[in-house]
N, C-alpha and C. Protein backbone atom coordinates (compact mmCIF):
# COMPACT_ATOMS: atom_id res chain seq x y z
N MET A 1 20.75 66.35 232.39
CA MET A 1 20.71 67.72 231.87
C MET A 1 22.05 68.40 232.13
N LYS A 2 22.59 69.00 231.08
CA LYS A 2 23.86 69.70 231.19
C LYS A 2 23.76 71.17 230.83
N LYS A 3 22.64 71.56 230.20
CA LYS A 3 22.48 72.94 229.76
C LYS A 3 21.17 73.51 230.28
N ALA A 4 21.24 74.66 230.95
CA ALA A 4 20.05 75.36 231.42
C ALA A 4 20.46 76.76 231.82
N ILE A 5 19.52 77.69 231.72
CA ILE A 5 19.81 79.08 232.08
C ILE A 5 18.49 79.80 232.32
N LEU A 6 18.56 80.88 233.09
CA LEU A 6 17.42 81.76 233.30
C LEU A 6 17.52 82.94 232.35
N ALA A 7 16.37 83.41 231.87
CA ALA A 7 16.36 84.50 230.90
C ALA A 7 15.12 85.36 231.12
N THR A 8 15.15 86.55 230.54
CA THR A 8 13.98 87.41 230.50
C THR A 8 13.60 87.65 229.05
N LYS A 9 12.31 87.74 228.82
CA LYS A 9 11.80 87.88 227.46
C LYS A 9 11.89 89.34 227.02
N VAL A 10 12.57 89.57 225.91
CA VAL A 10 12.71 90.92 225.36
C VAL A 10 11.57 91.23 224.41
N GLY A 11 11.24 90.28 223.54
CA GLY A 11 10.17 90.48 222.57
C GLY A 11 10.39 89.61 221.35
N MET A 12 9.60 89.84 220.30
CA MET A 12 9.71 89.05 219.08
C MET A 12 10.14 89.93 217.91
N THR A 13 10.84 89.32 216.98
CA THR A 13 11.25 89.99 215.76
C THR A 13 11.40 88.93 214.67
N GLN A 14 12.02 89.28 213.59
CA GLN A 14 12.24 88.31 212.52
C GLN A 14 13.61 88.52 211.90
N ILE A 15 14.23 87.43 211.48
CA ILE A 15 15.54 87.48 210.84
C ILE A 15 15.50 86.65 209.58
N PHE A 16 16.56 86.75 208.79
CA PHE A 16 16.67 85.97 207.56
C PHE A 16 17.86 85.03 207.68
N ASP A 17 17.68 83.80 207.24
CA ASP A 17 18.79 82.84 207.27
C ASP A 17 19.63 82.98 206.01
N GLU A 18 20.58 82.09 205.84
CA GLU A 18 21.49 82.17 204.70
C GLU A 18 20.78 81.97 203.38
N ASP A 19 19.66 81.24 203.39
CA ASP A 19 18.91 81.01 202.16
C ASP A 19 17.93 82.13 201.85
N GLY A 20 17.84 83.11 202.72
CA GLY A 20 16.90 84.20 202.52
C GLY A 20 15.53 83.94 203.07
N SER A 21 15.35 82.83 203.80
CA SER A 21 14.04 82.52 204.39
C SER A 21 13.83 83.34 205.65
N LEU A 22 12.62 83.84 205.82
CA LEU A 22 12.28 84.63 207.00
C LEU A 22 11.96 83.72 208.17
N ILE A 23 12.55 84.01 209.33
CA ILE A 23 12.34 83.19 210.53
C ILE A 23 11.83 84.09 211.65
N PRO A 24 10.63 83.82 212.19
CA PRO A 24 10.18 84.56 213.37
C PRO A 24 10.91 84.06 214.61
N VAL A 25 11.45 84.97 215.40
CA VAL A 25 12.24 84.57 216.57
C VAL A 25 11.81 85.38 217.79
N THR A 26 12.03 84.78 218.95
CA THR A 26 11.86 85.46 220.23
C THR A 26 13.24 85.79 220.78
N VAL A 27 13.44 87.05 221.16
CA VAL A 27 14.72 87.50 221.70
C VAL A 27 14.67 87.35 223.22
N LEU A 28 15.67 86.67 223.77
CA LEU A 28 15.74 86.41 225.21
C LEU A 28 17.06 86.92 225.76
N GLN A 29 16.97 87.66 226.87
CA GLN A 29 18.17 88.09 227.59
C GLN A 29 18.54 86.96 228.53
N ALA A 30 19.48 86.12 228.10
CA ALA A 30 19.82 84.90 228.83
C ALA A 30 21.06 85.12 229.68
N GLY A 31 20.85 85.26 230.97
CA GLY A 31 21.97 85.42 231.88
C GLY A 31 22.53 86.83 231.82
N PRO A 32 23.71 87.04 232.42
CA PRO A 32 24.50 86.00 233.08
C PRO A 32 23.91 85.58 234.43
N CYS A 33 23.89 84.28 234.67
CA CYS A 33 23.46 83.72 235.94
C CYS A 33 24.70 83.38 236.76
N VAL A 34 24.61 83.58 238.05
CA VAL A 34 25.75 83.30 238.92
C VAL A 34 25.39 82.16 239.86
N VAL A 35 26.32 81.26 240.08
CA VAL A 35 26.09 80.11 240.96
C VAL A 35 26.14 80.58 242.41
N THR A 36 25.04 80.36 243.13
CA THR A 36 24.97 80.76 244.54
C THR A 36 25.21 79.61 245.50
N GLN A 37 25.03 78.37 245.02
CA GLN A 37 25.27 77.20 245.88
C GLN A 37 25.35 75.96 245.01
N VAL A 38 26.15 75.02 245.43
CA VAL A 38 26.24 73.72 244.76
C VAL A 38 25.76 72.67 245.74
N LYS A 39 24.65 72.00 245.41
CA LYS A 39 24.10 70.97 246.28
C LYS A 39 24.82 69.65 245.99
N THR A 40 25.15 68.93 247.05
CA THR A 40 25.84 67.65 246.91
C THR A 40 25.03 66.54 247.57
N VAL A 41 25.30 65.32 247.16
CA VAL A 41 24.60 64.17 247.73
C VAL A 41 24.94 64.01 249.20
N GLU A 42 26.19 64.29 249.57
CA GLU A 42 26.62 64.12 250.96
C GLU A 42 25.90 65.09 251.89
N ASN A 43 25.74 66.34 251.47
CA ASN A 43 25.17 67.37 252.35
C ASN A 43 23.66 67.53 252.19
N ASP A 44 23.16 67.38 250.96
CA ASP A 44 21.76 67.70 250.68
C ASP A 44 20.93 66.51 250.19
N GLY A 45 21.59 65.40 249.90
CA GLY A 45 20.85 64.23 249.46
C GLY A 45 20.64 64.16 247.96
N TYR A 46 21.05 65.19 247.24
CA TYR A 46 20.93 65.19 245.78
C TYR A 46 21.95 66.17 245.23
N SER A 47 22.18 66.08 243.94
CA SER A 47 23.17 66.92 243.28
C SER A 47 22.46 67.95 242.41
N ALA A 48 22.80 69.22 242.60
CA ALA A 48 22.17 70.29 241.82
C ALA A 48 23.00 71.56 241.93
N VAL A 49 22.72 72.49 241.04
CA VAL A 49 23.37 73.80 241.04
C VAL A 49 22.30 74.86 241.24
N GLN A 50 22.50 75.70 242.22
CA GLN A 50 21.56 76.79 242.49
C GLN A 50 22.13 78.07 241.89
N VAL A 51 21.32 78.78 241.11
CA VAL A 51 21.80 79.97 240.42
C VAL A 51 20.91 81.16 240.75
N GLY A 52 21.48 82.35 240.67
CA GLY A 52 20.75 83.60 240.86
C GLY A 52 20.79 84.41 239.58
N PHE A 53 19.74 85.21 239.39
CA PHE A 53 19.62 85.98 238.14
C PHE A 53 18.97 87.33 238.44
N VAL A 54 19.46 88.38 237.84
CA VAL A 54 18.99 89.77 237.93
C VAL A 54 19.32 90.35 239.32
N ASP A 55 20.12 91.40 239.33
CA ASP A 55 20.52 92.05 240.57
C ASP A 55 19.33 92.65 241.31
N LYS A 56 19.43 92.65 242.63
CA LYS A 56 18.37 93.17 243.48
C LYS A 56 18.99 94.04 244.56
N LYS A 57 18.28 95.09 244.98
CA LYS A 57 18.81 95.97 246.01
C LYS A 57 19.00 95.21 247.32
N GLU A 58 20.15 95.40 247.92
CA GLU A 58 20.49 94.65 249.13
C GLU A 58 19.60 95.03 250.31
N LYS A 59 19.12 96.27 250.32
CA LYS A 59 18.35 96.75 251.49
C LYS A 59 16.97 96.11 251.58
N ILE A 60 16.49 95.49 250.51
CA ILE A 60 15.16 94.88 250.56
C ILE A 60 15.24 93.35 250.65
N ILE A 61 16.42 92.82 250.93
CA ILE A 61 16.57 91.37 251.07
C ILE A 61 16.28 90.96 252.50
N ASN A 62 15.69 89.79 252.67
CA ASN A 62 15.46 89.24 254.00
C ASN A 62 16.79 88.98 254.70
N LYS A 63 16.85 89.36 255.97
CA LYS A 63 18.08 89.17 256.74
C LYS A 63 17.82 88.21 257.89
N ASP A 64 18.88 87.60 258.38
CA ASP A 64 18.79 86.67 259.50
C ASP A 64 18.53 87.44 260.79
N LYS A 65 17.42 87.14 261.46
CA LYS A 65 17.08 87.83 262.70
C LYS A 65 17.87 87.31 263.89
N GLY A 66 18.48 86.14 263.74
CA GLY A 66 19.29 85.58 264.82
C GLY A 66 18.48 84.76 265.80
N GLY A 67 18.89 83.52 266.02
CA GLY A 67 18.24 82.67 267.02
C GLY A 67 16.96 82.03 266.55
N LYS A 68 16.56 82.28 265.32
CA LYS A 68 15.31 81.71 264.82
C LYS A 68 15.60 80.48 263.97
N LYS A 69 14.63 79.58 263.94
CA LYS A 69 14.78 78.37 263.16
C LYS A 69 14.79 78.70 261.68
N GLU A 70 15.62 78.01 260.93
CA GLU A 70 15.74 78.26 259.50
C GLU A 70 14.43 77.94 258.79
N ILE A 71 13.99 78.87 257.96
CA ILE A 71 12.78 78.68 257.17
C ILE A 71 13.19 78.45 255.74
N VAL A 72 12.68 77.40 255.14
CA VAL A 72 13.08 77.05 253.78
C VAL A 72 12.10 77.65 252.79
N HIS A 73 12.63 78.37 251.81
CA HIS A 73 11.84 78.96 250.75
C HIS A 73 11.34 77.87 249.82
N ARG A 74 10.28 78.16 249.05
CA ARG A 74 9.70 77.13 248.18
C ARG A 74 10.64 76.71 247.07
N HIS A 75 11.67 77.51 246.80
CA HIS A 75 12.66 77.12 245.80
C HIS A 75 13.92 76.58 246.46
N GLY A 76 13.83 76.20 247.74
CA GLY A 76 14.96 75.57 248.41
C GLY A 76 15.99 76.54 248.93
N VAL A 77 15.60 77.82 249.16
CA VAL A 77 16.55 78.81 249.63
C VAL A 77 16.10 79.32 250.99
N ASN A 78 17.04 79.47 251.92
CA ASN A 78 16.75 80.03 253.22
C ASN A 78 16.25 81.46 253.05
N GLN A 79 15.20 81.83 253.80
CA GLN A 79 14.66 83.17 253.66
C GLN A 79 15.63 84.25 254.11
N ALA A 80 16.62 83.90 254.91
CA ALA A 80 17.66 84.86 255.26
C ALA A 80 18.64 84.93 254.08
N LEU A 81 18.17 85.58 253.02
CA LEU A 81 18.91 85.52 251.76
C LEU A 81 20.21 86.32 251.79
N LYS A 82 20.26 87.36 252.59
CA LYS A 82 21.48 88.17 252.60
C LYS A 82 22.68 87.33 253.01
N GLY A 83 22.53 86.56 254.08
CA GLY A 83 23.63 85.69 254.50
C GLY A 83 23.94 84.62 253.48
N HIS A 84 22.89 84.17 252.79
CA HIS A 84 23.08 83.14 251.77
C HIS A 84 23.95 83.67 250.62
N PHE A 85 23.66 84.89 250.17
CA PHE A 85 24.43 85.48 249.08
C PHE A 85 25.84 85.85 249.55
N ASP A 86 25.95 86.34 250.78
CA ASP A 86 27.27 86.72 251.29
C ASP A 86 28.18 85.49 251.40
N LYS A 87 27.61 84.37 251.78
CA LYS A 87 28.40 83.14 251.90
C LYS A 87 28.94 82.71 250.54
N ALA A 88 28.13 82.91 249.49
CA ALA A 88 28.56 82.54 248.14
C ALA A 88 29.48 83.60 247.54
N GLY A 89 29.52 84.78 248.15
CA GLY A 89 30.37 85.84 247.63
C GLY A 89 29.83 86.50 246.39
N VAL A 90 28.50 86.58 246.29
CA VAL A 90 27.87 87.18 245.11
C VAL A 90 26.92 88.28 245.56
N SER A 91 26.55 89.15 244.64
CA SER A 91 25.60 90.21 244.94
C SER A 91 24.18 89.63 245.02
N ALA A 92 23.27 90.40 245.62
CA ALA A 92 21.90 89.94 245.81
C ALA A 92 21.21 89.74 244.46
N LYS A 93 20.41 88.69 244.36
CA LYS A 93 19.72 88.36 243.11
C LYS A 93 18.21 88.30 243.34
N ARG A 94 17.48 88.68 242.31
CA ARG A 94 16.02 88.70 242.39
C ARG A 94 15.43 87.29 242.25
N TYR A 95 15.98 86.50 241.34
CA TYR A 95 15.47 85.16 241.10
C TYR A 95 16.51 84.13 241.49
N VAL A 96 16.08 83.09 242.18
CA VAL A 96 16.97 81.99 242.58
C VAL A 96 16.28 80.68 242.20
N ARG A 97 16.96 79.87 241.41
CA ARG A 97 16.41 78.59 240.96
C ARG A 97 17.49 77.52 241.01
N GLU A 98 17.05 76.24 240.89
CA GLU A 98 17.99 75.13 240.91
C GLU A 98 17.90 74.34 239.61
N PHE A 99 19.04 73.87 239.15
CA PHE A 99 19.12 73.00 237.98
C PHE A 99 19.88 71.73 238.38
N LYS A 100 19.31 70.58 238.05
CA LYS A 100 19.97 69.31 238.36
C LYS A 100 20.89 68.92 237.21
N PHE A 101 22.06 69.56 237.19
CA PHE A 101 23.04 69.27 236.16
C PHE A 101 23.70 67.92 236.42
N GLU A 102 24.00 67.20 235.36
CA GLU A 102 24.75 65.95 235.49
C GLU A 102 26.18 66.22 235.93
N ASN A 103 26.70 67.39 235.55
CA ASN A 103 28.08 67.75 235.90
C ASN A 103 28.10 68.84 236.96
N ALA A 104 27.22 68.73 237.95
CA ALA A 104 27.11 69.77 238.98
C ALA A 104 28.40 69.96 239.75
N ASP A 105 29.19 68.89 239.90
CA ASP A 105 30.42 69.00 240.68
C ASP A 105 31.48 69.84 239.98
N GLU A 106 31.25 70.18 238.71
CA GLU A 106 32.21 71.01 237.98
C GLU A 106 32.01 72.50 238.25
N TYR A 107 30.92 72.86 238.93
CA TYR A 107 30.64 74.26 239.21
C TYR A 107 31.07 74.61 240.62
N ALA A 108 31.27 75.92 240.84
CA ALA A 108 31.65 76.42 242.16
C ALA A 108 30.89 77.72 242.41
N PRO A 109 30.59 78.05 243.67
CA PRO A 109 29.90 79.31 243.96
C PRO A 109 30.65 80.50 243.38
N GLY A 110 29.90 81.40 242.74
CA GLY A 110 30.49 82.56 242.10
C GLY A 110 30.72 82.39 240.61
N ALA A 111 30.66 81.14 240.11
CA ALA A 111 30.85 80.91 238.69
C ALA A 111 29.65 81.45 237.90
N GLU A 112 29.91 81.88 236.68
CA GLU A 112 28.86 82.46 235.85
C GLU A 112 28.42 81.49 234.75
N ILE A 113 27.13 81.50 234.48
CA ILE A 113 26.56 80.74 233.37
C ILE A 113 26.00 81.76 232.39
N LYS A 114 26.54 81.79 231.19
CA LYS A 114 26.16 82.80 230.21
C LYS A 114 25.44 82.16 229.02
N ALA A 115 25.02 83.01 228.11
CA ALA A 115 24.22 82.56 226.98
C ALA A 115 24.98 81.59 226.08
N ASP A 116 26.31 81.67 226.10
CA ASP A 116 27.09 80.80 225.22
C ASP A 116 27.09 79.35 225.67
N ILE A 117 26.35 79.03 226.76
CA ILE A 117 26.19 77.62 227.13
C ILE A 117 25.41 76.88 226.05
N PHE A 118 24.61 77.65 225.28
CA PHE A 118 23.86 77.08 224.14
C PHE A 118 24.54 77.47 222.84
N GLU A 119 24.26 76.68 221.81
CA GLU A 119 24.78 76.94 220.48
C GLU A 119 23.63 76.97 219.49
N ALA A 120 23.87 77.61 218.35
CA ALA A 120 22.87 77.64 217.30
C ALA A 120 22.57 76.21 216.84
N GLY A 121 21.28 75.89 216.77
CA GLY A 121 20.87 74.55 216.38
C GLY A 121 20.44 73.69 217.55
N ASP A 122 20.75 74.12 218.79
CA ASP A 122 20.32 73.36 219.97
C ASP A 122 18.80 73.39 220.10
N LYS A 123 18.23 72.31 220.63
CA LYS A 123 16.80 72.23 220.90
C LYS A 123 16.58 72.42 222.40
N ILE A 124 15.65 73.30 222.76
CA ILE A 124 15.43 73.63 224.16
C ILE A 124 13.95 73.58 224.50
N ASP A 125 13.67 73.53 225.81
CA ASP A 125 12.32 73.67 226.35
C ASP A 125 12.26 74.99 227.11
N ALA A 126 11.24 75.80 226.83
CA ALA A 126 11.09 77.10 227.47
C ALA A 126 9.86 77.09 228.37
N SER A 127 10.05 77.46 229.65
CA SER A 127 8.96 77.49 230.62
C SER A 127 8.81 78.89 231.18
N ALA A 128 7.55 79.35 231.29
CA ALA A 128 7.28 80.68 231.85
C ALA A 128 5.82 80.74 232.27
N ILE A 129 5.47 81.80 233.00
CA ILE A 129 4.09 82.04 233.38
C ILE A 129 3.40 82.78 232.23
N SER A 130 2.34 82.20 231.71
CA SER A 130 1.67 82.77 230.54
C SER A 130 0.99 84.08 230.88
N LYS A 131 0.63 84.82 229.86
CA LYS A 131 -0.06 86.09 230.04
C LYS A 131 -1.41 85.88 230.73
N GLY A 132 -1.74 86.72 231.67
CA GLY A 132 -3.03 86.65 232.34
C GLY A 132 -4.10 87.33 231.50
N LYS A 133 -5.22 86.65 231.29
CA LYS A 133 -6.32 87.19 230.48
C LYS A 133 -7.52 87.61 231.32
N GLY A 134 -7.45 87.39 232.64
CA GLY A 134 -8.58 87.73 233.49
C GLY A 134 -9.71 86.74 233.35
N PHE A 135 -10.94 87.18 233.65
CA PHE A 135 -12.13 86.33 233.56
C PHE A 135 -12.61 86.33 232.12
N GLN A 136 -12.69 85.13 231.51
CA GLN A 136 -13.09 85.02 230.12
C GLN A 136 -14.20 83.99 229.97
N GLY A 137 -14.96 84.13 228.89
CA GLY A 137 -16.04 83.20 228.61
C GLY A 137 -15.54 81.89 228.04
N ALA A 138 -16.48 80.95 227.85
CA ALA A 138 -16.11 79.61 227.41
C ALA A 138 -15.60 79.59 225.98
N ILE A 139 -16.01 80.55 225.15
CA ILE A 139 -15.58 80.56 223.75
C ILE A 139 -14.10 80.93 223.66
N LYS A 140 -13.71 81.99 224.33
CA LYS A 140 -12.31 82.40 224.28
C LYS A 140 -11.44 81.49 225.13
N ARG A 141 -11.95 81.08 226.29
CA ARG A 141 -11.14 80.30 227.23
C ARG A 141 -10.94 78.87 226.77
N LEU A 142 -11.98 78.25 226.19
CA LEU A 142 -11.92 76.83 225.87
C LEU A 142 -12.14 76.53 224.40
N GLY A 143 -12.39 77.55 223.60
CA GLY A 143 -12.58 77.32 222.16
C GLY A 143 -13.91 76.71 221.80
N GLN A 144 -14.91 76.87 222.65
CA GLN A 144 -16.22 76.30 222.34
C GLN A 144 -16.93 77.12 221.26
N HIS A 145 -17.93 76.47 220.61
CA HIS A 145 -18.66 77.14 219.53
C HIS A 145 -19.79 77.99 220.11
N ARG A 146 -20.16 79.02 219.38
CA ARG A 146 -21.27 79.86 219.79
C ARG A 146 -22.58 79.32 219.21
N GLY A 147 -23.68 79.85 219.72
CA GLY A 147 -24.99 79.50 219.20
C GLY A 147 -25.43 80.45 218.10
N PRO A 148 -26.65 80.29 217.59
CA PRO A 148 -27.16 81.20 216.55
C PRO A 148 -27.22 82.63 217.08
N MET A 149 -26.87 83.58 216.21
CA MET A 149 -26.85 84.98 216.63
C MET A 149 -28.13 85.72 216.23
N ALA A 150 -29.17 84.98 215.77
CA ALA A 150 -30.42 85.61 215.37
C ALA A 150 -31.17 86.15 216.59
N HIS A 151 -32.13 87.02 216.37
CA HIS A 151 -32.86 87.67 217.46
C HIS A 151 -33.66 86.66 218.28
N GLY A 152 -34.15 85.60 217.63
CA GLY A 152 -34.98 84.65 218.36
C GLY A 152 -34.20 83.67 219.20
N SER A 153 -32.90 83.63 219.01
CA SER A 153 -32.08 82.68 219.75
C SER A 153 -31.89 83.13 221.18
N LYS A 154 -31.96 82.19 222.10
CA LYS A 154 -31.70 82.48 223.52
C LYS A 154 -30.30 82.00 223.93
N PHE A 155 -29.53 81.57 222.92
CA PHE A 155 -28.21 80.99 223.20
C PHE A 155 -27.20 81.57 222.23
N HIS A 156 -26.31 82.42 222.73
CA HIS A 156 -25.31 83.06 221.87
C HIS A 156 -23.88 82.61 222.23
N ARG A 157 -23.41 83.05 223.39
CA ARG A 157 -22.02 82.73 223.77
C ARG A 157 -21.97 82.01 225.12
N HIS A 158 -23.01 81.29 225.44
CA HIS A 158 -23.05 80.51 226.68
C HIS A 158 -22.23 79.24 226.50
N GLN A 159 -21.88 78.57 227.62
CA GLN A 159 -21.04 77.37 227.52
C GLN A 159 -21.80 76.12 227.14
N GLY A 160 -23.09 76.18 226.94
CA GLY A 160 -23.84 75.00 226.52
C GLY A 160 -24.52 74.32 227.70
N SER A 161 -25.05 73.13 227.43
CA SER A 161 -25.80 72.40 228.46
C SER A 161 -24.90 72.00 229.61
N ASN A 162 -25.40 72.18 230.83
CA ASN A 162 -24.65 71.80 232.01
C ASN A 162 -25.00 70.41 232.52
N GLY A 163 -26.01 69.76 231.94
CA GLY A 163 -26.39 68.42 232.38
C GLY A 163 -27.90 68.27 232.38
N ALA A 164 -28.39 67.06 232.17
CA ALA A 164 -29.83 66.80 232.15
C ALA A 164 -30.42 66.97 233.55
N CYS A 165 -31.75 67.24 233.61
CA CYS A 165 -32.36 67.54 234.90
C CYS A 165 -32.58 66.29 235.75
N SER A 166 -32.94 65.17 235.12
CA SER A 166 -33.25 63.98 235.92
C SER A 166 -32.08 63.01 236.03
N SER A 167 -31.34 62.89 234.96
CA SER A 167 -30.19 61.99 234.97
C SER A 167 -29.09 62.60 234.13
N PRO A 168 -27.93 62.87 234.67
CA PRO A 168 -27.41 62.47 235.98
C PRO A 168 -27.74 63.42 237.13
N SER A 169 -28.52 64.46 236.86
CA SER A 169 -28.94 65.41 237.90
C SER A 169 -27.76 66.09 238.59
N LYS A 170 -26.72 66.32 237.84
CA LYS A 170 -25.56 67.03 238.39
C LYS A 170 -24.69 67.54 237.25
N VAL A 171 -23.81 68.44 237.58
CA VAL A 171 -22.82 68.93 236.62
C VAL A 171 -21.52 68.17 236.87
N PHE A 172 -21.02 67.50 235.84
CA PHE A 172 -19.82 66.70 235.99
C PHE A 172 -18.61 67.58 236.29
N LYS A 173 -17.74 67.06 237.11
CA LYS A 173 -16.50 67.75 237.43
C LYS A 173 -15.66 67.91 236.16
N GLY A 174 -15.14 69.11 235.96
CA GLY A 174 -14.34 69.38 234.78
C GLY A 174 -15.12 69.99 233.64
N LYS A 175 -16.42 70.24 233.84
CA LYS A 175 -17.24 70.86 232.81
C LYS A 175 -16.65 72.21 232.41
N GLY A 176 -16.50 72.43 231.10
CA GLY A 176 -15.93 73.68 230.63
C GLY A 176 -16.86 74.85 230.86
N MET A 177 -16.40 75.81 231.64
CA MET A 177 -17.20 76.99 231.96
C MET A 177 -16.32 78.24 231.93
N PRO A 178 -16.97 79.40 231.94
CA PRO A 178 -16.18 80.63 232.04
C PRO A 178 -15.36 80.65 233.33
N GLY A 179 -14.26 81.39 233.31
CA GLY A 179 -13.43 81.47 234.51
C GLY A 179 -12.13 82.19 234.21
N HIS A 180 -11.21 82.10 235.18
CA HIS A 180 -9.92 82.76 235.05
C HIS A 180 -9.09 82.09 233.96
N MET A 181 -8.49 82.92 233.09
CA MET A 181 -7.73 82.40 231.96
C MET A 181 -6.30 82.92 232.01
N GLY A 182 -5.35 82.05 231.73
CA GLY A 182 -3.95 82.44 231.68
C GLY A 182 -3.30 82.46 233.04
N CYS A 183 -2.11 83.08 233.11
CA CYS A 183 -1.34 83.20 234.35
C CYS A 183 -1.03 81.83 234.94
N LYS A 184 -0.66 80.89 234.05
CA LYS A 184 -0.27 79.54 234.46
C LYS A 184 1.10 79.20 233.87
N LYS A 185 1.76 78.25 234.50
CA LYS A 185 3.06 77.82 233.97
C LYS A 185 2.85 77.05 232.68
N VAL A 186 3.53 77.49 231.63
CA VAL A 186 3.42 76.87 230.31
C VAL A 186 4.82 76.50 229.84
N THR A 187 4.97 75.29 229.30
CA THR A 187 6.25 74.84 228.75
C THR A 187 6.07 74.51 227.28
N VAL A 188 6.90 75.13 226.45
CA VAL A 188 6.91 74.84 225.01
C VAL A 188 8.18 74.05 224.72
N GLN A 189 8.00 72.86 224.14
CA GLN A 189 9.13 71.96 223.94
C GLN A 189 9.68 72.03 222.52
N ASN A 190 10.94 71.61 222.40
CA ASN A 190 11.61 71.47 221.11
C ASN A 190 11.67 72.77 220.31
N LEU A 191 12.00 73.86 220.99
CA LEU A 191 12.26 75.10 220.28
C LEU A 191 13.73 75.12 219.84
N GLN A 192 13.99 75.72 218.72
CA GLN A 192 15.34 75.72 218.18
C GLN A 192 16.03 77.06 218.42
N VAL A 193 17.26 76.98 218.90
CA VAL A 193 18.09 78.19 219.05
C VAL A 193 18.64 78.55 217.67
N VAL A 194 18.27 79.72 217.20
CA VAL A 194 18.67 80.15 215.86
C VAL A 194 20.00 80.88 215.88
N ARG A 195 20.18 81.73 216.90
CA ARG A 195 21.40 82.53 216.95
C ARG A 195 21.76 82.83 218.40
N VAL A 196 23.06 82.94 218.68
CA VAL A 196 23.56 83.24 220.02
C VAL A 196 24.49 84.44 219.93
N ASP A 197 24.18 85.49 220.71
CA ASP A 197 25.05 86.65 220.82
C ASP A 197 25.73 86.60 222.18
N ALA A 198 26.94 86.06 222.21
CA ALA A 198 27.64 85.84 223.47
C ALA A 198 28.02 87.15 224.15
N GLU A 199 28.32 88.21 223.38
CA GLU A 199 28.74 89.47 223.97
C GLU A 199 27.59 90.15 224.73
N LYS A 200 26.39 90.10 224.16
CA LYS A 200 25.23 90.75 224.78
C LYS A 200 24.37 89.77 225.57
N ASN A 201 24.77 88.48 225.59
CA ASN A 201 24.00 87.44 226.28
C ASN A 201 22.56 87.36 225.77
N LEU A 202 22.43 87.30 224.46
CA LEU A 202 21.12 87.21 223.83
C LEU A 202 20.97 85.87 223.13
N LEU A 203 19.80 85.30 223.25
CA LEU A 203 19.44 84.09 222.51
C LEU A 203 18.26 84.40 221.60
N LEU A 204 18.34 83.98 220.36
CA LEU A 204 17.25 84.11 219.41
C LEU A 204 16.67 82.72 219.20
N VAL A 205 15.43 82.53 219.63
CA VAL A 205 14.78 81.23 219.59
C VAL A 205 13.66 81.26 218.55
N LYS A 206 13.62 80.25 217.71
CA LYS A 206 12.61 80.20 216.66
C LYS A 206 11.22 80.00 217.25
N GLY A 207 10.28 80.84 216.84
CA GLY A 207 8.90 80.70 217.29
C GLY A 207 8.62 81.52 218.55
N ALA A 208 7.46 81.25 219.14
CA ALA A 208 6.99 82.01 220.30
C ALA A 208 7.37 81.33 221.59
N VAL A 209 7.60 82.13 222.61
CA VAL A 209 7.92 81.67 223.96
C VAL A 209 6.84 82.21 224.89
N PRO A 210 6.33 81.40 225.82
CA PRO A 210 5.25 81.87 226.69
C PRO A 210 5.66 83.04 227.57
N GLY A 211 4.65 83.83 227.99
CA GLY A 211 4.89 84.92 228.91
C GLY A 211 4.91 86.28 228.23
N PRO A 212 4.65 87.34 228.99
CA PRO A 212 4.74 88.70 228.45
C PRO A 212 6.18 89.18 228.38
N LYS A 213 6.39 90.37 227.90
CA LYS A 213 7.73 90.95 227.88
C LYS A 213 8.23 91.14 229.31
N LYS A 214 9.50 90.96 229.50
CA LYS A 214 10.20 91.05 230.79
C LYS A 214 9.89 89.87 231.70
N ALA A 215 9.17 88.86 231.20
CA ALA A 215 8.84 87.70 232.03
C ALA A 215 10.09 86.83 232.22
N LEU A 216 10.14 86.15 233.37
CA LEU A 216 11.23 85.21 233.63
C LEU A 216 10.96 83.92 232.86
N VAL A 217 11.95 83.48 232.09
CA VAL A 217 11.84 82.27 231.28
C VAL A 217 12.96 81.31 231.67
N THR A 218 12.60 80.06 231.89
CA THR A 218 13.60 79.03 232.19
C THR A 218 13.85 78.22 230.93
N LEU A 219 15.10 78.17 230.52
CA LEU A 219 15.50 77.44 229.31
C LEU A 219 16.32 76.23 229.70
N LYS A 220 15.89 75.06 229.21
CA LYS A 220 16.61 73.82 229.46
C LYS A 220 16.75 73.05 228.16
N GLU A 221 17.79 72.23 228.08
CA GLU A 221 17.90 71.38 226.90
C GLU A 221 16.71 70.43 226.88
N THR A 222 16.19 70.18 225.69
CA THR A 222 14.92 69.48 225.56
C THR A 222 15.01 68.05 226.09
N VAL A 223 13.89 67.58 226.62
CA VAL A 223 13.82 66.22 227.16
C VAL A 223 13.23 65.25 226.15
N LYS A 224 12.60 65.77 225.09
CA LYS A 224 12.02 64.94 224.06
C LYS A 224 12.64 65.34 222.72
N VAL A 225 13.49 64.49 222.22
CA VAL A 225 14.16 64.77 220.95
C VAL A 225 13.30 64.24 219.81
N GLU A 226 12.97 65.11 218.87
CA GLU A 226 12.17 64.70 217.72
C GLU A 226 13.00 63.84 216.79
N ALA A 227 12.34 62.81 216.27
CA ALA A 227 13.04 61.88 215.36
C ALA A 227 13.27 62.56 214.00
């Protein structure tokens, strides 16, 4: 992987191409991301670039209490983030992620990754946390069919039979039932970059991208190229 960036979702709109065809696009504020650390095989056991995105107030960042054992964040960052950012010489960032670039050694702390890393026509994979729908029934959550809606029916929007009484005498694991819907990591593959605005760091991507407005979206060059 040589291309990746963090972005926030602005919303959807539509544009026209040179042939006059209407294209639905998602507008993404892509970067600028700043390199906060470069991981090397010698020091860390693998090669990667750690980037920060969206400025954050310095007074609310975790600071090193001194004399305590280093605690590793789930994204590979020490919780004493103030010292981490100061060492890289960058301002505090709200989001910190890692990308395993093939050319990681070409980056240095403080370097910026902007929207122009992508070009029009590139194929990308977009990952984000989907919209939360709360507690939903089996019809909306799983696409199951409803029963008869007549007055005599005792089955309208229930999830259906849960299992026979004598055999197997249990509900199988994975049975589709009502429950929490959404708020999960979703990746949409092979989306096409339609337009790049390098001055405003905007990417226009054809089609829909998961997540609500202002959601954090991770964009990477696609791993599955369509024939």
